[in-house]
Amino acid sequence: MGTTKSNIIPIISKTYCSSSQVMLVVRRRPHVTSGGGFVVTDCGQKVVFRVDGCGILGIKEELILRDGDGTALLLIRRKGGMVEALSIYKKWKGYTFAYEGSQKLVFSLKEPNSCLVRNNAMKISTEPRVSNKDWDFTIKGYFPDKDCSIIDTKGNIVAQVGVKKEVRELMASKDLYHVVVQPGIDQAFVFGVIATLDYIYGESTRC
């Protein structure tokens, strides 16, 4: 059954919402030669997204998600300060680049200050909101194992991170993994969240 307009969720843009399930491949770039970050390709090896982190931007706790042509789609940064230092959460915010350089908030991710606790779920809220709870999506599983999902408030998996068995056997490191995105879900939003997780857990986007 095809996706109807009612269940397309364009958080960044409907351009990045597919009517069918999509599997994309993430390849982390080496820090030494490429400044880190990662590249996302489709099944035809075409670059769909790329993420620049601290090694390229030179700024800590800031990330940029670009499309395949290199155009900036999302600016992601951590909100710091004394208030956050006293909070049980660290807060990350994702902004789209609007016309004339202005920025529009599209999602917030709450990272528990004790992020090493595996069952302490991260919560994501979007603008505009898609549910009547105080969050719209949550992370289930453990990202460093490349075994986690983005779940909506009804418990549905909207995107799933994994490693193919043959890749897992060939590579001890998790430099290559895949993400399955469900129909109607904004792929740019999904990879904005994955970029944030990559930084939180000290992977390719960290300095």
C-alpha atoms as a PDB file:
ATOM      1  CA  MET A   1       0.000   0.000   0.000  1.00  0.00           C
ATOM      2  CA  GLY A   2       1.469   3.405  -0.959  1.00  0.00           C
ATOM      3  CA  THR A   3       2.132   6.242   1.422  1.00  0.00           C
ATOM      4  CA  THR A   4      -0.593   8.863   1.502  1.00  0.00           C
ATOM      5  CA  LYS A   5      -0.010  12.552   2.083  1.00  0.00           C
ATOM      6  CA  SER A   6      -1.413  12.236   5.598  1.00  0.00           C
ATOM      7  CA  ASN A   7       1.452  10.053   6.836  1.00  0.00           C
ATOM      8  CA  ILE A   8       4.322  11.970   5.247  1.00  0.00           C
ATOM      9  CA  ILE A   9       6.241  13.811   7.971  1.00  0.00           C
ATOM     10  CA  PRO A  10       8.377  16.538   6.332  1.00  0.00           C
ATOM     11  CA  ILE A  11      10.445  17.922   9.219  1.00  0.00           C
ATOM     12  CA  ILE A  12      13.169  19.418   6.992  1.00  0.00           C
ATOM     13  CA  SER A  13      11.467  19.079   3.596  1.00  0.00           C
ATOM     14  CA  LYS A  14       9.093  16.700   1.802  1.00  0.00           C
ATOM     15  CA  THR A  15      11.921  16.359  -0.771  1.00  0.00           C
ATOM     16  CA  TYR A  16      13.524  13.925   1.686  1.00  0.00           C
ATOM     17  CA  CYS A  17      10.385  11.845   2.294  1.00  0.00           C
ATOM     18  CA  SER A  18      10.134   8.723   0.132  1.00  0.00           C
ATOM     19  CA  SER A  19       6.929   6.824  -0.650  1.00  0.00           C
ATOM     20  CA  SER A  20       8.796   3.562  -0.050  1.00  0.00           C
ATOM     21  CA  GLN A  21      11.246   2.167   2.499  1.00  0.00           C
ATOM     22  CA  VAL A  22      14.830   3.274   1.829  1.00  0.00           C
ATOM     23  CA  MET A  23      18.128   1.730   2.934  1.00  0.00           C
ATOM     24  CA  LEU A  24      21.084   4.123   2.994  1.00  0.00           C
ATOM     25  CA  VAL A  25      24.720   3.355   3.770  1.00  0.00           C
ATOM     26  CA  VAL A  26      26.883   5.418   6.131  1.00  0.00           C
ATOM     27  CA  ARG A  27      30.654   5.480   5.665  1.00  0.00           C
ATOM     28  CA  ARG A  28      32.714   7.312   8.260  1.00  0.00           C
ATOM     29  CA  ARG A  29      35.499   9.514   6.885  1.00  0.00           C
ATOM     30  CA  PRO A  30      38.973   9.206   8.420  1.00  0.00           C
ATOM     31  CA  HIS A  31      40.051  12.160  10.571  1.00  0.00           C
ATOM     32  CA  VAL A  32      43.582  12.227   9.221  1.00  0.00           C
ATOM     33  CA  THR A  33      42.794  12.622   5.513  1.00  0.00           C
ATOM     34  CA  SER A  34      39.225  13.964   5.465  1.00  0.00           C
ATOM     35  CA  GLY A  35      38.674  15.727   8.793  1.00  0.00           C
ATOM     36  CA  GLY A  36      36.182  13.133   9.998  1.00  0.00           C
ATOM     37  CA  GLY A  37      32.423  13.250   9.655  1.00  0.00           C
ATOM     38  CA  PHE A  38      30.573  10.795   7.431  1.00  0.00           C
ATOM     39  CA  VAL A  39      29.032  10.316   4.002  1.00  0.00           C
ATOM     40  CA  VAL A  40      25.611   8.764   3.277  1.00  0.00           C
ATOM     41  CA  THR A  41      25.021   6.960  -0.026  1.00  0.00           C
ATOM     42  CA  ASP A  42      22.078   5.190  -1.646  1.00  0.00           C
ATOM     43  CA  CYS A  43      22.105   1.711  -3.200  1.00  0.00           C
ATOM     44  CA  GLY A  44      23.582   3.165  -6.404  1.00  0.00           C
ATOM     45  CA  GLN A  45      26.567   4.675  -4.520  1.00  0.00           C
ATOM     46  CA  LYS A  46      25.213   8.203  -5.067  1.00  0.00           C
ATOM     47  CA  VAL A  47      26.012  10.593  -2.206  1.00  0.00           C
ATOM     48  CA  VAL A  48      22.734  11.676  -0.582  1.00  0.00           C
ATOM     49  CA  PHE A  49      24.033  13.465   2.541  1.00  0.00           C
ATOM     50  CA  ARG A  50      27.334  14.327   4.156  1.00  0.00           C
ATOM     51  CA  VAL A  51      28.029  15.486   7.698  1.00  0.00           C
ATOM     52  CA  ASP A  52      30.815  17.849   8.697  1.00  0.00           C
ATOM     53  CA  GLY A  53      31.875  17.892  12.324  1.00  0.00           C
ATOM     54  CA  CYS A  54      34.527  19.491  14.483  1.00  0.00           C
ATOM     55  CA  GLY A  55      37.446  18.241  12.358  1.00  0.00           C
ATOM     56  CA  ILE A  56      36.195  20.235   9.349  1.00  0.00           C
ATOM     57  CA  LEU A  57      34.315  23.129  10.978  1.00  0.00           C
ATOM     58  CA  GLY A  58      36.862  23.681  13.760  1.00  0.00           C
ATOM     59  CA  ILE A  59      34.063  24.325  16.249  1.00  0.00           C
ATOM     60  CA  LYS A  60      33.206  21.925  19.067  1.00  0.00           C
ATOM     61  CA  GLU A  61      29.609  20.778  19.601  1.00  0.00           C
ATOM     62  CA  GLU A  62      28.531  21.994  16.164  1.00  0.00           C
ATOM     63  CA  LEU A  63      27.638  19.924  13.090  1.00  0.00           C
ATOM     64  CA  ILE A  64      26.400  20.635   9.567  1.00  0.00           C
ATOM     65  CA  LEU A  65      24.309  18.204   7.503  1.00  0.00           C
ATOM     66  CA  ARG A  66      24.679  18.810   3.759  1.00  0.00           C
ATOM     67  CA  ASP A  67      22.917  17.344   0.742  1.00  0.00           C
ATOM     68  CA  GLY A  68      24.782  15.414  -1.960  1.00  0.00           C
ATOM     69  CA  ASP A  69      25.742  18.655  -3.724  1.00  0.00           C
ATOM     70  CA  GLY A  70      27.235  20.127  -0.548  1.00  0.00           C
ATOM     71  CA  THR A  71      24.403  22.572   0.208  1.00  0.00           C
ATOM     72  CA  ALA A  72      23.932  23.045   3.964  1.00  0.00           C
ATOM     73  CA  LEU A  73      20.550  21.704   5.163  1.00  0.00           C
ATOM     74  CA  LEU A  74      20.893  21.574   8.930  1.00  0.00           C
ATOM     75  CA  LEU A  75      22.995  23.278  11.588  1.00  0.00           C
ATOM     76  CA  ILE A  76      23.123  21.236  14.795  1.00  0.00           C
ATOM     77  CA  ARG A  77      24.612  22.636  17.988  1.00  0.00           C
ATOM     78  CA  ARG A  78      24.553  21.958  21.685  1.00  0.00           C
ATOM     79  CA  LYS A  79      22.968  24.533  23.926  1.00  0.00           C
ATOM     80  CA  GLY A  80      25.353  25.107  26.833  1.00  0.00           C
ATOM     81  CA  GLY A  81      25.634  27.457  29.776  1.00  0.00           C
ATOM     82  CA  MET A  82      25.079  27.341  33.521  1.00  0.00           C
ATOM     83  CA  VAL A  83      21.411  26.332  33.271  1.00  0.00           C
ATOM     84  CA  GLU A  84      22.354  23.213  31.331  1.00  0.00           C
ATOM     85  CA  ALA A  85      25.199  22.409  33.718  1.00  0.00           C
ATOM     86  CA  LEU A  86      22.614  22.119  36.505  1.00  0.00           C
ATOM     87  CA  SER A  87      20.126  20.187  34.360  1.00  0.00           C
ATOM     88  CA  ILE A  88      19.756  16.400  34.118  1.00  0.00           C
ATOM     89  CA  TYR A  89      19.736  16.847  30.326  1.00  0.00           C
ATOM     90  CA  LYS A  90      22.068  18.252  27.720  1.00  0.00           C
ATOM     91  CA  LYS A  91      20.102  19.777  24.864  1.00  0.00           C
ATOM     92  CA  TRP A  92      20.986  19.683  21.173  1.00  0.00           C
ATOM     93  CA  LYS A  93      19.090  21.814  18.646  1.00  0.00           C
ATOM     94  CA  GLY A  94      18.786  21.389  14.863  1.00  0.00           C
ATOM     95  CA  TYR A  95      18.102  24.413  12.649  1.00  0.00           C
ATOM     96  CA  THR A  96      17.371  24.654   8.932  1.00  0.00           C
ATOM     97  CA  PHE A  97      19.011  27.392   6.896  1.00  0.00           C
ATOM     98  CA  ALA A  98      16.168  29.662   5.794  1.00  0.00           C
ATOM     99  CA  TYR A  99      16.405  32.463   3.237  1.00  0.00           C
ATOM    100  CA  GLU A 100      18.905  35.290   3.856  1.00  0.00           C
ATOM    101  CA  GLY A 101      20.822  33.211   6.366  1.00  0.00           C
ATOM    102  CA  SER A 102      18.173  33.106   9.088  1.00  0.00           C
ATOM    103  CA  GLN A 103      17.791  29.873  11.048  1.00  0.00           C
ATOM    104  CA  LYS A 104      14.622  28.000  11.963  1.00  0.00           C
ATOM    105  CA  LEU A 105      14.472  25.454  14.800  1.00  0.00           C
ATOM    106  CA  VAL A 106      13.225  22.073  13.551  1.00  0.00           C
ATOM    107  CA  PHE A 107      14.188  19.617  16.295  1.00  0.00           C
ATOM    108  CA  SER A 108      15.599  19.352  19.809  1.00  0.00           C
ATOM    109  CA  LEU A 109      17.293  16.280  21.262  1.00  0.00           C
ATOM    110  CA  LYS A 110      17.604  15.781  25.004  1.00  0.00           C
ATOM    111  CA  GLU A 111      20.716  13.870  25.984  1.00  0.00           C
ATOM    112  CA  PRO A 112      20.689  12.565  29.576  1.00  0.00           C
ATOM    113  CA  ASN A 113      23.758  13.845  31.429  1.00  0.00           C
ATOM    114  CA  SER A 114      24.432  10.209  32.307  1.00  0.00           C
ATOM    115  CA  CYS A 115      24.468   9.104  28.636  1.00  0.00           C
ATOM    116  CA  LEU A 116      26.507   5.992  29.427  1.00  0.00           C
ATOM    117  CA  VAL A 117      23.402   4.457  30.994  1.00  0.00           C
ATOM    118  CA  ARG A 118      22.044   2.377  28.144  1.00  0.00           C
ATOM    119  CA  ASN A 119      18.368   2.389  29.103  1.00  0.00           C
ATOM    120  CA  ASN A 120      18.269   6.149  29.717  1.00  0.00           C
ATOM    121  CA  ALA A 121      16.444   7.022  26.477  1.00  0.00           C
ATOM    122  CA  MET A 122      17.112  10.185  24.522  1.00  0.00           C
ATOM    123  CA  LYS A 123      13.992  12.126  23.587  1.00  0.00           C
ATOM    124  CA  ILE A 124      13.491  14.200  20.428  1.00  0.00           C
ATOM    125  CA  SER A 125      10.871  16.888  19.879  1.00  0.00           C
ATOM    126  CA  THR A 126      10.190  18.461  16.486  1.00  0.00           C
ATOM    127  CA  GLU A 127       8.899  21.826  15.298  1.00  0.00           C
ATOM    128  CA  PRO A 128       6.061  21.779  14.438  1.00  0.00           C
ATOM    129  CA  ARG A 129       5.130  19.045  16.912  1.00  0.00           C
ATOM    130  CA  VAL A 130       3.804  15.748  15.567  1.00  0.00           C
ATOM    131  CA  SER A 131       2.375  14.424  18.849  1.00  0.00           C
ATOM    132  CA  ASN A 132       0.651  15.802  21.934  1.00  0.00           C
ATOM    133  CA  LYS A 133       3.309  14.410  24.292  1.00  0.00           C
ATOM    134  CA  ASP A 134       6.332  16.426  25.401  1.00  0.00           C
ATOM    135  CA  TRP A 135       8.401  14.436  22.874  1.00  0.00           C
ATOM    136  CA  ASP A 136       7.838  13.068  19.359  1.00  0.00           C
ATOM    137  CA  PHE A 137      10.560  10.434  18.929  1.00  0.00           C
ATOM    138  CA  THR A 138      12.945   8.493  21.147  1.00  0.00           C
ATOM    139  CA  ILE A 139      16.113   6.446  20.636  1.00  0.00           C
ATOM    140  CA  LYS A 140      15.915   2.748  21.493  1.00  0.00           C
ATOM    141  CA  GLY A 141      19.065   0.613  21.618  1.00  0.00           C
ATOM    142  CA  TYR A 142      22.726   1.620  21.791  1.00  0.00           C
ATOM    143  CA  PHE A 143      24.219   3.650  18.934  1.00  0.00           C
ATOM    144  CA  PRO A 144      27.909   2.668  19.421  1.00  0.00           C
ATOM    145  CA  ASP A 145      26.873  -0.955  18.774  1.00  0.00           C
ATOM    146  CA  LYS A 146      25.119   0.239  15.580  1.00  0.00           C
ATOM    147  CA  ASP A 147      22.020  -1.473  16.900  1.00  0.00           C
ATOM    148  CA  CYS A 148      19.408   1.194  17.589  1.00  0.00           C
ATOM    149  CA  SER A 149      16.173   2.665  16.283  1.00  0.00           C
ATOM    150  CA  ILE A 150      14.289   5.950  16.198  1.00  0.00           C
ATOM    151  CA  ILE A 151      10.804   5.240  17.576  1.00  0.00           C
ATOM    152  CA  ASP A 152       7.682   7.406  17.433  1.00  0.00           C
ATOM    153  CA  THR A 153       5.251   7.906  20.331  1.00  0.00           C
ATOM    154  CA  LYS A 154       3.141   4.923  19.196  1.00  0.00           C
ATOM    155  CA  GLY A 155       6.147   2.594  19.370  1.00  0.00           C
ATOM    156  CA  ASN A 156       6.624   2.364  15.602  1.00  0.00           C
ATOM    157  CA  ILE A 157      10.190   2.154  14.265  1.00  0.00           C
ATOM    158  CA  VAL A 158      10.685   5.064  11.843  1.00  0.00           C
ATOM    159  CA  ALA A 159      14.408   4.431  11.206  1.00  0.00           C
ATOM    160  CA  GLN A 160      16.739   1.604  12.165  1.00  0.00           C
ATOM    161  CA  VAL A 161      20.545   1.566  12.373  1.00  0.00           C
ATOM    162  CA  GLY A 162      22.292  -1.747  11.756  1.00  0.00           C
ATOM    163  CA  VAL A 163      25.332  -3.536  10.340  1.00  0.00           C
ATOM    164  CA  LYS A 164      25.024  -6.349   7.796  1.00  0.00           C
ATOM    165  CA  LYS A 165      26.371  -9.661   9.068  1.00  0.00           C
ATOM    166  CA  GLU A 166      28.989  -9.947   6.306  1.00  0.00           C
ATOM    167  CA  VAL A 167      30.229  -6.401   7.011  1.00  0.00           C
ATOM    168  CA  ARG A 168      30.330  -7.090  10.744  1.00  0.00           C
ATOM    169  CA  GLU A 169      32.483 -10.162  10.130  1.00  0.00           C
ATOM    170  CA  LEU A 170      34.885  -8.301   7.827  1.00  0.00           C
ATOM    171  CA  MET A 171      35.271  -5.110   9.857  1.00  0.00           C
ATOM    172  CA  ALA A 172      35.875  -4.969  13.595  1.00  0.00           C
ATOM    173  CA  SER A 173      35.244  -1.208  13.596  1.00  0.00           C
ATOM    174  CA  LYS A 174      31.823   0.202  12.758  1.00  0.00           C
ATOM    175  CA  ASP A 175      33.025   2.524   9.979  1.00  0.00           C
ATOM    176  CA  LEU A 176      30.351   1.182   7.625  1.00  0.00           C
ATOM    177  CA  TYR A 177      26.737   0.690   8.639  1.00  0.00           C
ATOM    178  CA  HIS A 178      23.275   1.071   7.170  1.00  0.00           C
ATOM    179  CA  VAL A 179      20.106   2.942   8.088  1.00  0.00           C
ATOM    180  CA  VAL A 180      16.648   1.791   7.003  1.00  0.00           C
ATOM    181  CA  VAL A 181      14.156   4.682   6.846  1.00  0.00           C
ATOM    182  CA  GLN A 182      10.438   3.946   6.695  1.00  0.00           C
ATOM    183  CA  PRO A 183       8.106   5.467   4.055  1.00  0.00           C
ATOM    184  CA  GLY A 184       7.066   9.075   4.657  1.00  0.00           C
ATOM    185  CA  ILE A 185       9.836   9.778   7.187  1.00  0.00           C
ATOM    186  CA  ASP A 186      12.149  12.732   6.534  1.00  0.00           C
ATOM    187  CA  GLN A 187      15.572  11.248   5.783  1.00  0.00           C
ATOM    188  CA  ALA A 188      17.379  14.565   6.400  1.00  0.00           C
ATOM    189  CA  PHE A 189      15.880  14.670   9.908  1.00  0.00           C
ATOM    190  CA  VAL A 190      16.939  11.054  10.533  1.00  0.00           C
ATOM    191  CA  PHE A 191      20.550  11.788   9.592  1.00  0.00           C
ATOM    192  CA  GLY A 192      20.517  14.981  11.626  1.00  0.00           C
ATOM    193  CA  VAL A 193      19.669  12.799  14.639  1.00  0.00           C
ATOM    194  CA  ILE A 194      22.333  10.228  13.674  1.00  0.00           C
ATOM    195  CA  ALA A 195      24.939  13.000  13.321  1.00  0.00           C
ATOM    196  CA  THR A 196      24.072  14.144  16.847  1.00  0.00           C
ATOM    197  CA  LEU A 197      24.400  10.594  18.206  1.00  0.00           C
ATOM    198  CA  ASP A 198      27.736  10.230  16.412  1.00  0.00           C
ATOM    199  CA  TYR A 199      29.042  13.318  18.219  1.00  0.00           C
ATOM    200  CA  ILE A 200      27.566  12.422  21.613  1.00  0.00           C
ATOM    201  CA  TYR A 201      29.316   9.048  21.570  1.00  0.00           C
ATOM    202  CA  GLY A 202      32.644  10.505  20.441  1.00  0.00           C
ATOM    203  CA  GLU A 203      32.779   9.052  16.946  1.00  0.00           C
ATOM    204  CA  SER A 204      33.633  10.538  13.529  1.00  0.00           C
ATOM    205  CA  THR A 205      32.334  14.104  14.075  1.00  0.00           C
ATOM    206  CA  ARG A 206      34.369  14.758  17.256  1.00  0.00           C
ATOM    207  CA  CYS A 207      37.799  16.438  17.153  1.00  0.00           C
END
